[in-house]
């Protein structure tokens, strides 16, 4: 997770990655294929998974963080 300054200067906001321990994720870890986890996270957004890039982009689009913090 990352703690970023709010664009309006009223404090900070957390950007966080969410990974659920699904059977597919467990299998990738067991097989040592952790490099494939981001792909699983992208395809399982409907389950609530979220990459850090997605979290940052969402905060930027909602005008909570600046473009500088997005990058």
Protein backbone atom coordinates (compact mmCIF):
# COMPACT_ATOMS: atom_id res chain seq x y z
CA UNK A 1 0.00 0.00 0.00
CA UNK A 2 0.97 3.62 -0.46
CA UNK A 3 -0.06 6.65 1.53
CA UNK A 4 -0.41 9.65 -0.77
CA UNK A 5 -1.22 13.33 -0.18
CA UNK A 6 -4.76 14.32 -1.11
CA UNK A 7 -4.99 16.81 -3.96
CA UNK A 8 -7.11 19.16 -1.83
CA UNK A 9 -4.46 19.24 0.91
CA UNK A 10 -6.75 17.82 3.61
CA UNK A 11 -4.57 14.87 4.52
CA UNK A 12 -3.59 11.59 2.97
CA UNK A 13 -5.32 8.71 1.21
CA UNK A 14 -4.29 5.06 0.97
CA UNK A 15 -3.84 3.37 -2.38
CA UNK A 16 -3.83 -0.37 -1.94
CA UNK A 17 -3.50 -3.57 -3.84
CA UNK A 18 -6.02 -6.33 -3.12
CA UNK A 19 -5.12 -9.97 -3.73
CA UNK A 20 -7.54 -12.73 -2.76
CA UNK A 21 -6.31 -16.24 -2.05
CA UNK A 22 -8.29 -17.94 -4.80
CA UNK A 23 -7.44 -21.47 -5.93
CA UNK A 24 -5.73 -20.00 -9.01
CA UNK A 25 -3.55 -17.70 -6.89
CA UNK A 26 -2.64 -20.53 -4.51
CA UNK A 27 -1.70 -22.72 -7.46
CA UNK A 28 0.54 -20.04 -8.99
CA UNK A 29 2.33 -19.58 -5.67
CA UNK A 30 2.73 -23.34 -5.23
CA UNK A 31 4.20 -23.64 -8.74
CA UNK A 32 6.53 -20.65 -8.27
CA UNK A 33 4.79 -18.65 -11.00
CA UNK A 34 4.19 -15.52 -8.94
CA UNK A 35 5.02 -13.35 -11.96
CA UNK A 36 1.58 -14.33 -13.31
CA UNK A 37 -0.33 -13.01 -10.29
CA UNK A 38 -0.93 -9.50 -11.75
CA UNK A 39 -2.68 -11.14 -14.72
CA UNK A 40 -4.94 -13.10 -12.36
CA UNK A 41 -5.69 -9.88 -10.48
CA UNK A 42 -6.70 -8.11 -13.70
CA UNK A 43 -9.05 -10.89 -14.75
CA UNK A 44 -10.64 -11.16 -11.28
CA UNK A 45 -11.57 -7.53 -10.65
CA UNK A 46 -15.19 -8.60 -10.24
CA UNK A 47 -14.13 -10.56 -7.14
CA UNK A 48 -12.61 -7.41 -5.64
CA UNK A 49 -8.99 -7.85 -6.67
CA UNK A 50 -7.14 -4.65 -7.50
CA UNK A 51 -3.61 -3.91 -8.70
CA UNK A 52 -1.73 -0.91 -7.38
CA UNK A 53 -1.88 0.67 -10.84
CA UNK A 54 -5.67 0.34 -10.85
CA UNK A 55 -5.91 1.82 -7.35
CA UNK A 56 -3.77 4.82 -8.29
CA UNK A 57 -5.65 5.39 -11.54
CA UNK A 58 -8.99 5.27 -9.74
CA UNK A 59 -7.84 7.86 -7.17
CA UNK A 60 -6.57 10.10 -9.98
CA UNK A 61 -9.78 9.82 -12.01
CA UNK A 62 -11.79 10.72 -8.90
CA UNK A 63 -9.53 13.80 -8.51
CA UNK A 64 -8.28 12.66 -5.12
CA UNK A 65 -4.58 12.55 -6.07
CA UNK A 66 -2.56 14.56 -8.58
CA UNK A 67 -1.14 13.33 -11.87
CA UNK A 68 2.32 13.65 -10.31
CA UNK A 69 1.35 11.15 -7.61
CA UNK A 70 -0.20 8.86 -10.21
CA UNK A 71 3.15 8.59 -11.97
